[in-house]
C-alpha cells in the first residue's frame, strides 16, 4: 500500500477491539468460510502474516468482510486493508446541526484517547463527503440548554489558555501537551452541552471548540497519532461550520489534506484544498489566501503535477508579499516566511531545482520555532544530500537530533530523521554517518 508503513495494522486493531486472539480468529475464519461454502486453511501463522503486511487472497477477504458485515462495494472501492471497520467516526454520520456538532465533540472527549497510530480511516468517498458536507451545512443554533451561565470572562480565560498552549506547542512539540489540549476540549464541550449562555457567547464557544479541536488534532499528529489527529480535525471542521467561521473551515480542510497525502493519497489532498479554496469566503486576507495556495502547491507537487504546483507556489508568494500583519486571523499568527520557504523548498526539491530548494529550506530552518526546526532539519539534510554535500546533510540532521535530545518532543520530527537515515545507506561505511545513525538509535521511541 502506498505511503508510510503502518505502525499498527488495522487488522490488529480489529482483533483487539473484538477480543479475538490470533488462533481464535483463525478458527472463526475457517468456520465462517465453511458456512459460506468457501473452505479456508487460515491458521495463527496466516493471521500473523496478514498483520505484518501480507494481503489475504480474495476468498479470505470475502469471508472476513462477511464476518465483519462490511458491504462488498466498500471492499472493492477501498481495497485492503482500508475497508476494515477499524473505528466508528461519529463526525462522519452525525447531522450538520448544533446537536450533531455537540455529539461529535462529546464522542471525541469520550474516546479520543485511544491510540490508533499509523493508519488513516477517513479516506476516499468518506473524505470527499465530509468536505462536501462542510460546504452545504447550515449554521443554525438551537436554544440554550439548561445549566450554569457561561460568562465572557470564562470564555476569555479559556481563549487565553489555548493561545498559551499554542505558543508552548511551537517550543516543546505536541507530544508533551496533548493531554492538556484534550482537557481543554472536554471543558469547552461540557460548557456547550450543559451551560446556559447568550447567542453571542454560543458563537464564541463553538469557535473556541473549533480552535481547541484543531490544536488537539495537530498535537496528536505531531505525536505520531495520525488517525486520532484526523478525527479531531473533523470535530474542528464541524465546530467552525456551526460558528459560521468558514475561513477557519477552509484552513481545516487544508490541514486534513496533509494527513492523506502523507499516507500516499495525494489526489485526495488536491481535491480537499480545491474544495477549500473554491468555497472559502471572498473576504479572506492575503495572508490566509497565501496559506491556502501554499497548500495547493504542496498538494499538486506531491501528486506529480509540478507545472501547476509551481503556478500555485508563485501565487502564494505573491499573496504573501501583499499581506499586512494586522490582517492575520489569530489562528494563523504562526504562519510566515519560515513556513513559506519550507514548502517552497519541498516543491522545488521535487521538481529537481536542488540549489534553490536548499537555499529555501535553510532559510526556513534558521527562522522557525524550535519544534519546526527539528522537523524541517531532515528535509534540509535531504536536499544537501541530493546536492552531493554529505557533511552538510549530516550537520542538518545532527542539528535536528540535538533539539530532540535537549528540548523538543515530536515523533514526527524523529520519524523524518529516521527516513533520512535510510537515504544514507550508500554511505554507511563513512564514520560520520555511523555516528549519526548511532545517535539516532539512542533517541527514545516516543520523544
Protein backbone atom coordinates (compact mmCIF):
# COMPACT_ATOMS: atom_id res chain seq x y z
CA UNK A 1 0.00 0.00 0.00
CA UNK A 2 1.32 3.50 -0.77
CA UNK A 3 2.66 5.89 1.83
CA UNK A 4 4.36 5.27 5.13
CA UNK A 5 4.39 1.79 6.66
CA UNK A 6 1.70 1.06 9.21
CA UNK A 7 2.84 1.27 12.82
CA UNK A 8 -0.27 -0.62 13.92
CA UNK A 9 -2.06 -2.70 11.31
CA UNK A 10 -5.83 -2.12 11.09
CA UNK A 11 -6.41 -5.89 11.36
CA UNK A 12 -4.60 -5.88 14.72
CA UNK A 13 -6.95 -3.15 15.91
CA UNK A 14 -10.00 -5.15 14.72
CA UNK A 15 -8.85 -8.20 16.69
CA UNK A 16 -8.12 -6.11 19.79
CA UNK A 17 -11.49 -4.38 19.83
CA UNK A 18 -13.33 -7.70 19.48
CA UNK A 19 -11.15 -9.56 21.95
CA UNK A 20 -10.03 -12.15 19.41
CA UNK A 21 -6.65 -13.82 19.69
CA UNK A 22 -4.91 -14.94 16.51
CA UNK A 23 -5.80 -18.61 17.00
CA UNK A 24 -9.42 -17.85 17.86
CA UNK A 25 -9.75 -15.55 14.88
CA UNK A 26 -8.29 -18.21 12.57
CA UNK A 27 -10.90 -20.71 13.82
CA UNK A 28 -13.68 -18.17 13.28
CA UNK A 29 -12.49 -17.59 9.72
CA UNK A 30 -12.48 -21.34 8.98
CA UNK A 31 -15.94 -21.81 10.49
CA UNK A 32 -17.45 -18.82 8.70
CA UNK A 33 -15.80 -19.87 5.45
CA UNK A 34 -17.43 -23.30 5.69
CA UNK A 35 -20.83 -21.66 6.24
CA UNK A 36 -20.32 -19.69 3.03
CA UNK A 37 -19.05 -22.68 1.06
CA UNK A 38 -15.52 -21.25 0.95
CA UNK A 39 -13.09 -23.58 2.76
CA UNK A 40 -10.08 -21.78 4.23
CA UNK A 41 -6.85 -23.06 5.75
CA UNK A 42 -6.38 -19.99 7.94
CA UNK A 43 -4.21 -20.55 11.00
CA UNK A 44 -2.39 -18.45 13.58
CA UNK A 45 0.63 -18.01 11.33
CA UNK A 46 -1.59 -16.85 8.47
CA UNK A 47 -3.11 -14.16 10.69
CA UNK A 48 0.34 -13.04 11.84
CA UNK A 49 1.46 -12.66 8.21
CA UNK A 50 -1.61 -10.54 7.44
CA UNK A 51 -0.77 -8.27 10.36
CA UNK A 52 2.79 -7.94 9.04
CA UNK A 53 1.56 -6.64 5.69
CA UNK A 54 0.76 -9.72 3.57
CA UNK A 55 -2.54 -9.23 1.75
CA UNK A 56 -5.16 -12.01 2.18
CA UNK A 57 -6.34 -13.65 -1.02
CA UNK A 58 -9.75 -12.81 -2.48
CA UNK A 59 -11.54 -15.74 -0.78
CA UNK A 60 -10.19 -14.83 2.64
CA UNK A 61 -11.15 -11.19 2.21
CA UNK A 62 -14.63 -12.16 1.11
CA UNK A 63 -15.12 -14.36 4.17
CA UNK A 64 -13.68 -11.73 6.52
CA UNK A 65 -15.87 -8.98 5.05
CA UNK A 66 -18.96 -11.12 5.56
CA UNK A 67 -17.86 -11.96 9.11
CA UNK A 68 -17.45 -8.26 9.90
CA UNK A 69 -20.58 -7.28 7.92
CA UNK A 70 -18.70 -4.96 5.58
CA UNK A 71 -20.51 -4.43 2.23
CA UNK A 72 -18.87 -5.89 -0.89
CA UNK A 73 -18.96 -2.46 -2.53
CA UNK A 74 -16.83 -0.98 0.25
CA UNK A 75 -14.32 -3.83 -0.06
CA UNK A 76 -13.98 -3.26 -3.81
CA UNK A 77 -13.77 0.51 -3.54
CA UNK A 78 -11.34 0.88 -0.65
CA UNK A 79 -9.08 -2.16 -1.07
CA UNK A 80 -7.13 -3.98 1.63
CA UNK A 81 -6.69 -3.00 4.44
CA UNK A 82 -8.62 0.26 4.18
CA UNK A 83 -12.03 -1.41 4.11
CA UNK A 84 -11.58 -2.87 7.61
CA UNK A 85 -14.01 -1.27 10.11
CA UNK A 86 -11.33 -0.10 12.49
CA UNK A 87 -13.38 2.57 14.22
CA UNK A 88 -16.69 4.39 14.03
CA UNK A 89 -16.41 8.12 13.39
CA UNK A 90 -19.40 9.99 14.79
CA UNK A 91 -18.28 13.11 12.94
CA UNK A 92 -18.95 11.44 9.58
CA UNK A 93 -22.52 10.42 10.34
CA UNK A 94 -23.96 12.96 12.78
CA UNK A 95 -26.23 15.64 11.25
CA UNK A 96 -24.67 19.01 10.44
CA UNK A 97 -26.59 20.81 13.16
CA UNK A 98 -25.67 22.20 16.55
CA UNK A 99 -26.75 18.94 18.18
CA UNK A 100 -24.64 16.98 15.70
CA UNK A 101 -21.60 19.12 16.48
CA UNK A 102 -22.01 18.58 20.23
CA UNK A 103 -22.44 14.84 19.64
CA UNK A 104 -19.20 14.77 17.64
CA UNK A 105 -17.27 16.73 20.26
CA UNK A 106 -18.65 14.57 23.07
CA UNK A 107 -17.58 11.44 21.21
CA UNK A 108 -14.06 12.84 20.84
CA UNK A 109 -13.89 13.68 24.52
CA UNK A 110 -15.06 10.18 25.43
CA UNK A 111 -12.95 8.12 23.04
CA UNK A 112 -10.21 10.36 21.67
CA UNK A 113 -7.51 8.89 23.89
CA UNK A 114 -7.46 5.59 22.01
CA UNK A 115 -4.11 5.20 20.27
CA UNK A 116 -4.67 4.19 16.67
CA UNK A 117 -1.28 5.28 15.46
CA UNK A 118 -0.14 4.63 11.98
CA UNK A 119 -3.21 4.26 9.78
CA UNK A 120 -5.87 6.50 8.31
CA UNK A 121 -9.53 5.61 8.04
CA UNK A 122 -11.16 8.78 6.71
CA UNK A 123 -10.29 8.47 3.04
CA UNK A 124 -11.96 8.01 -0.32
CA UNK A 125 -15.65 8.84 -0.53
CA UNK A 126 -15.88 9.44 3.22
CA UNK A 127 -13.27 12.20 2.96
CA UNK A 128 -14.92 13.73 -0.10
CA UNK A 129 -18.25 13.58 1.68
CA UNK A 130 -17.06 15.44 4.76
CA UNK A 131 -15.71 18.25 2.56
CA UNK A 132 -18.95 18.48 0.60
CA UNK A 133 -21.00 18.48 3.81
CA UNK A 134 -18.94 21.37 5.16
CA UNK A 135 -19.81 23.39 2.06
CA UNK A 136 -23.55 22.69 2.27
CA UNK A 137 -24.18 22.61 6.04
CA UNK A 138 -26.38 25.26 7.71
CA UNK A 139 -25.10 27.33 10.64
CA UNK A 140 -28.25 27.01 12.74
CA UNK A 141 -28.15 27.47 16.51
CA UNK A 142 -30.62 25.87 18.90
CA UNK A 143 -31.89 27.43 22.12
CA UNK A 144 -29.60 27.47 25.12
CA UNK A 145 -29.51 24.35 27.24
CA UNK A 146 -30.29 24.44 30.95
CA UNK A 147 -27.27 24.77 33.19
CA UNK A 148 -24.83 27.26 34.56
CA UNK A 149 -24.41 30.64 32.89
CA UNK A 150 -21.28 30.95 30.76
CA UNK A 151 -19.76 34.41 31.06
CA UNK A 152 -17.50 36.48 28.83
CA UNK A 153 -14.75 36.19 31.42
CA UNK A 154 -14.92 32.38 31.39
CA UNK A 155 -14.66 32.22 27.62
CA UNK A 156 -11.83 34.78 27.55
CA UNK A 157 -9.92 32.76 30.12
CA UNK A 158 -10.16 29.60 28.03
CA UNK A 159 -9.19 31.53 24.89
CA UNK A 160 -6.06 32.75 26.65
CA UNK A 161 -5.27 29.20 27.81
CA UNK A 162 -5.45 27.96 24.23
CA UNK A 163 -3.27 30.82 22.99
CA UNK A 164 -0.64 29.95 25.60
CA UNK A 165 -0.86 26.25 24.72
CA UNK A 166 -0.24 27.03 21.04
CA UNK A 167 2.86 29.01 21.96
CA UNK A 168 4.16 26.15 24.10
CA UNK A 169 3.49 23.71 21.25
CA UNK A 170 5.83 25.68 18.99
CA UNK A 171 8.56 25.45 21.59
CA UNK A 172 8.14 21.92 23.00
CA UNK A 173 6.18 19.90 20.42
CA UNK A 174 2.75 18.33 20.70
CA UNK A 175 3.53 15.04 22.45
CA UNK A 176 4.09 16.65 25.86
CA UNK A 177 0.99 18.89 25.69
CA UNK A 178 -1.61 16.59 24.16
CA UNK A 179 -3.36 15.75 27.43
CA UNK A 180 -3.71 19.43 28.30
CA UNK A 181 -5.35 20.14 24.97
CA UNK A 182 -7.73 17.20 25.44
CA UNK A 183 -8.66 18.54 28.86
CA UNK A 184 -9.46 21.97 27.43
CA UNK A 185 -11.61 20.38 24.72
CA UNK A 186 -13.52 18.44 27.38
CA UNK A 187 -14.10 21.70 29.28
CA UNK A 188 -15.44 23.54 26.23
CA UNK A 189 -17.62 20.58 25.24
CA UNK A 190 -19.06 20.43 28.75
CA UNK A 191 -19.97 24.12 28.61
CA UNK A 192 -21.67 23.61 25.26
CA UNK A 193 -23.57 20.57 26.48
CA UNK A 194 -24.81 21.87 29.84
CA UNK A 195 -24.11 25.58 30.00
CA UNK A 196 -26.55 28.49 29.80
CA UNK A 197 -25.36 31.29 27.55
CA UNK A 198 -26.34 34.10 25.21
CA UNK A 199 -26.22 33.78 21.42
CA UNK A 200 -23.02 35.82 21.36
CA UNK A 201 -21.36 33.51 23.87
CA UNK A 202 -22.62 30.48 21.97
CA UNK A 203 -20.85 31.58 18.80
CA UNK A 204 -17.63 32.19 20.76
CA UNK A 205 -17.88 28.76 22.37
CA UNK A 206 -18.24 26.95 19.04
CA UNK A 207 -15.41 29.00 17.55
CA UNK A 208 -13.33 28.09 20.59
CA UNK A 209 -14.28 24.42 20.24
CA UNK A 210 -13.04 24.55 16.65
CA UNK A 211 -9.71 26.05 17.74
CA UNK A 212 -9.20 23.56 20.58
CA UNK A 213 -10.21 20.56 18.48
CA UNK A 214 -7.81 21.60 15.74
CA UNK A 215 -4.97 22.17 18.21
CA UNK A 216 -5.61 18.78 19.80
CA UNK A 217 -5.60 17.16 16.37
CA UNK A 218 -2.38 18.92 15.44
CA UNK A 219 -0.69 17.76 18.64
CA UNK A 220 -1.89 14.20 18.06
CA UNK A 221 -0.47 14.32 14.53
CA UNK A 222 2.84 15.68 15.84
CA UNK A 223 2.89 12.83 18.36
CA UNK A 224 2.52 10.29 15.53
CA UNK A 225 -1.21 9.59 16.08
CA UNK A 226 -2.41 10.33 12.57
CA UNK A 227 -5.81 8.67 12.81
CA UNK A 228 -6.66 10.33 16.12
CA UNK A 229 -5.50 13.68 14.80
CA UNK A 230 -7.73 13.38 11.77
CA UNK A 231 -10.81 12.69 13.89
CA UNK A 232 -10.17 15.85 15.92
CA UNK A 233 -9.94 17.77 12.66
CA UNK A 234 -13.43 16.56 11.77
CA UNK A 235 -14.63 17.93 15.12
CA UNK A 236 -12.91 21.24 14.35
CA UNK A 237 -14.49 21.42 10.89
CA UNK A 238 -17.98 20.86 12.30
CA UNK A 239 -17.46 23.36 15.11
CA UNK A 240 -16.23 26.02 12.70
CA UNK A 241 -19.27 25.49 10.47
CA UNK A 242 -21.65 25.75 13.42
CA UNK A 243 -19.93 29.00 14.42
CA UNK A 244 -20.26 30.30 10.85
CA UNK A 245 -16.46 30.58 10.55
CA UNK A 246 -15.89 29.32 7.01
CA UNK A 247 -12.41 30.85 6.80
CA UNK A 248 -11.27 28.56 9.61
CA UNK A 249 -13.16 25.69 7.97
CA UNK A 250 -11.15 26.18 4.79
CA UNK A 251 -8.00 26.16 6.91
CA UNK A 252 -9.02 22.82 8.49
CA UNK A 253 -9.65 21.20 5.10
CA UNK A 254 -6.17 22.28 4.02
CA UNK A 255 -4.68 20.76 7.18
CA UNK A 256 -6.63 17.50 6.72
CA UNK A 257 -5.01 17.15 3.34
CA UNK A 258 -1.59 16.78 4.95
CA UNK A 259 -2.69 13.56 6.63
CA UNK A 260 -3.97 11.87 3.49
CA UNK A 261 -1.09 12.91 1.24
CA UNK A 262 1.47 11.56 3.71
CA UNK A 263 -0.41 8.26 3.53
CA UNK A 264 0.06 8.23 -0.26
CA UNK A 265 -3.40 9.52 -1.24
CA UNK A 266 -2.13 12.62 -2.99
CA UNK A 267 -5.07 13.15 -5.36
CA UNK A 268 -7.42 13.35 -2.36
CA UNK A 269 -5.35 16.20 -0.95
CA UNK A 270 -5.67 18.07 -4.24
CA UNK A 271 -9.45 17.64 -4.06
CA UNK A 272 -9.57 18.84 -0.44
CA UNK A 273 -7.58 22.01 -1.00
CA UNK A 274 -9.52 22.76 -4.16
CA UNK A 275 -12.78 22.49 -2.19
CA UNK A 276 -11.34 24.78 0.49
CA UNK A 277 -10.23 27.48 -1.96
CA UNK A 278 -13.36 27.34 -4.12
CA UNK A 279 -15.71 27.71 -1.13
CA UNK A 280 -13.74 29.98 1.19
CA UNK A 281 -15.15 33.45 1.93
CA UNK A 282 -14.22 36.12 -0.61
CA UNK A 283 -13.10 38.36 2.24
CA UNK A 284 -10.05 36.24 3.10
CA UNK A 285 -6.92 38.24 3.90
CA UNK A 286 -3.89 37.92 1.56
CA UNK A 287 -2.13 36.02 4.37
CA UNK A 288 -4.88 33.38 4.56
CA UNK A 289 -5.06 33.10 0.78
CA UNK A 290 -1.28 32.68 0.67
CA UNK A 291 -1.56 29.84 3.19
CA UNK A 292 -4.22 28.06 1.11
CA UNK A 293 -2.33 28.39 -2.16
CA UNK A 294 0.83 27.19 -0.46
CA UNK A 295 -1.07 24.03 0.49
CA UNK A 296 -2.29 23.75 -3.09
CA UNK A 297 1.29 23.97 -4.36
CA UNK A 298 2.37 21.22 -1.96
CA UNK A 299 -0.62 19.06 -2.87
CA UNK A 300 -0.02 19.35 -6.61
CA UNK A 301 3.71 18.76 -6.17
CA UNK A 302 3.13 15.56 -4.18
CA UNK A 303 0.67 14.43 -6.85
CA UNK A 304 3.34 14.89 -9.53
CA UNK A 305 1.91 17.98 -11.26
CA UNK A 306 4.98 20.20 -10.93
CA UNK A 307 3.86 22.79 -13.51
CA UNK A 308 0.62 23.59 -11.69
CA UNK A 309 2.44 23.27 -8.40
CA UNK A 310 4.89 26.00 -9.42
CA UNK A 311 1.99 28.21 -10.51
CA UNK A 312 0.28 27.81 -7.13
CA UNK A 313 3.59 28.45 -5.36
CA UNK A 314 4.08 31.72 -7.26
CA UNK A 315 0.53 32.74 -6.36
CA UNK A 316 1.20 32.01 -2.68
CA UNK A 317 4.40 34.08 -2.75
CA UNK A 318 2.67 36.98 -4.49
CA UNK A 319 -0.16 37.00 -1.95
CA UNK A 320 2.34 36.87 0.92
CA UNK A 321 4.06 39.99 -0.39
CA UNK A 322 0.70 41.82 -0.12
CA UNK A 323 -0.04 40.70 3.43
CA UNK A 324 -0.30 43.03 6.41
CA UNK A 325 0.28 41.59 9.88
CA UNK A 326 -2.81 43.26 11.32
CA UNK A 327 -4.98 41.35 8.84
CA UNK A 328 -3.89 37.91 10.06
CA UNK A 329 -6.52 35.85 11.90
CA UNK A 330 -5.44 34.74 15.37
CA UNK A 331 -5.37 31.08 14.31
CA UNK A 332 -2.83 31.85 11.58
CA UNK A 333 -0.46 34.09 13.51
CA UNK A 334 2.19 31.35 13.35
CA UNK A 335 2.25 31.44 9.53
CA UNK A 336 5.07 33.41 7.99
CA UNK A 337 8.26 33.46 5.97
CA UNK A 338 9.60 30.28 7.57
CA UNK A 339 6.56 28.21 6.57
CA UNK A 340 6.52 29.72 3.09
CA UNK A 341 10.19 28.86 2.50
CA UNK A 342 9.75 25.37 3.91
CA UNK A 343 7.01 24.47 1.44
CA UNK A 344 8.81 26.29 -1.35
CA UNK A 345 11.88 24.16 -0.67
CA UNK A 346 9.93 20.91 -0.75
CA UNK A 347 8.18 21.83 -4.01
CA UNK A 348 11.44 22.93 -5.66
CA UNK A 349 13.24 19.79 -4.49
CA UNK A 350 10.60 17.52 -6.03
CA UNK A 351 10.88 19.36 -9.34
CA UNK A 352 14.67 18.92 -9.40
CA UNK A 353 15.67 22.52 -8.52
CA UNK A 354 18.08 21.37 -5.83
CA UNK A 355 20.15 24.54 -5.30
CA UNK A 356 17.11 26.82 -4.91
CA UNK A 357 15.40 24.22 -2.75
CA UNK A 358 18.39 24.00 -0.41
CA UNK A 359 18.53 27.79 -0.01
CA UNK A 360 14.81 27.99 0.81
CA UNK A 361 14.97 25.13 3.29
CA UNK A 362 17.98 26.61 5.06
CA UNK A 363 16.16 29.94 5.43
CA UNK A 364 13.15 28.09 6.81
CA UNK A 365 15.14 26.19 9.43
CA UNK A 366 17.01 29.29 10.56
CA UNK A 367 13.82 31.32 11.14
CA UNK A 368 11.49 28.61 12.51
CA UNK A 369 10.32 27.86 16.05
CA UNK A 370 12.27 25.05 17.83
CA UNK A 371 9.82 22.23 17.08
CA UNK A 372 9.68 23.21 13.40
CA UNK A 373 13.47 23.45 13.28
CA UNK A 374 13.58 19.81 14.44
CA UNK A 375 11.02 18.72 11.84
CA UNK A 376 12.49 20.64 8.91
CA UNK A 377 16.14 19.81 9.55
CA UNK A 378 15.65 16.40 7.93
CA UNK A 379 14.32 17.98 4.73
CA UNK A 380 17.30 20.33 4.59
CA UNK A 381 19.55 17.33 5.15
CA UNK A 382 17.86 15.53 2.26
CA UNK A 383 18.34 18.50 -0.08
CA UNK A 384 22.02 18.79 0.81
CA UNK A 385 22.49 15.06 0.28
CA UNK A 386 20.84 15.24 -3.16
CA UNK A 387 23.22 18.11 -3.94
CA UNK A 388 26.23 15.97 -3.06
CA UNK A 389 27.04 17.64 0.28
CA UNK A 390 27.18 14.67 2.67
CA UNK A 391 28.78 16.52 5.57
CA UNK A 392 26.35 19.41 5.22
CA UNK A 393 23.49 16.93 5.23
CA UNK A 394 24.78 15.34 8.42
CA UNK A 395 25.19 18.77 10.04
CA UNK A 396 21.50 19.49 9.43
CA UNK A 397 20.36 16.06 10.61
CA UNK A 398 22.50 16.24 13.76
CA UNK A 399 21.07 19.67 14.50
CA UNK A 400 17.57 18.19 14.47
CA UNK A 401 18.66 15.26 16.63
CA UNK A 402 20.18 17.66 19.13
CA UNK A 403 16.88 19.52 19.50
CA UNK A 404 15.09 16.23 20.18
CA UNK A 405 17.67 15.34 22.80
CA UNK A 406 17.50 18.67 24.60
CA UNK A 407 14.01 20.21 24.47
CA UNK A 408 11.64 19.24 21.67
CA UNK A 409 9.18 16.34 21.82
CA UNK A 410 7.96 15.40 18.34
CA UNK A 411 7.51 11.88 16.99
CA UNK A 412 7.02 13.47 13.58
CA UNK A 413 10.50 15.00 13.70
CA UNK A 414 12.03 11.71 14.84
CA UNK A 415 10.25 9.75 12.09
CA UNK A 416 11.54 12.14 9.44
CA UNK A 417 15.10 11.85 10.71
CA UNK A 418 14.74 8.07 10.54
CA UNK A 419 13.50 8.37 6.97
CA UNK A 420 16.55 10.50 6.11
CA UNK A 421 18.80 7.90 7.74
CA UNK A 422 17.67 5.30 5.20
CA UNK A 423 18.97 7.57 2.42
CA UNK A 424 22.44 7.29 3.92
CA UNK A 425 22.76 3.59 3.15
CA UNK A 426 25.19 4.12 0.22
CA UNK A 427 27.46 5.98 2.67
CA UNK A 428 27.14 3.58 5.61
CA UNK A 429 30.89 2.98 5.79
CA UNK A 430 31.64 6.67 6.45
CA UNK A 431 32.43 7.22 10.13
CA UNK A 432 30.31 10.38 10.49
CA UNK A 433 27.33 8.51 9.03
CA UNK A 434 27.79 5.69 11.53
CA UNK A 435 28.00 8.21 14.37
CA UNK A 436 24.76 9.92 13.30
CA UNK A 437 22.94 6.61 12.99
CA UNK A 438 24.13 5.55 16.43
CA UNK A 439 22.95 8.86 17.85
CA UNK A 440 19.56 8.39 16.23
CA UNK A 441 19.23 4.92 17.71
CA UNK A 442 19.77 6.32 21.19
CA UNK A 443 16.87 8.73 20.91
CA UNK A 444 13.75 7.43 22.72
CA UNK A 445 10.97 5.96 20.57
CA UNK A 446 8.48 8.49 21.95
CA UNK A 447 10.44 11.70 22.40
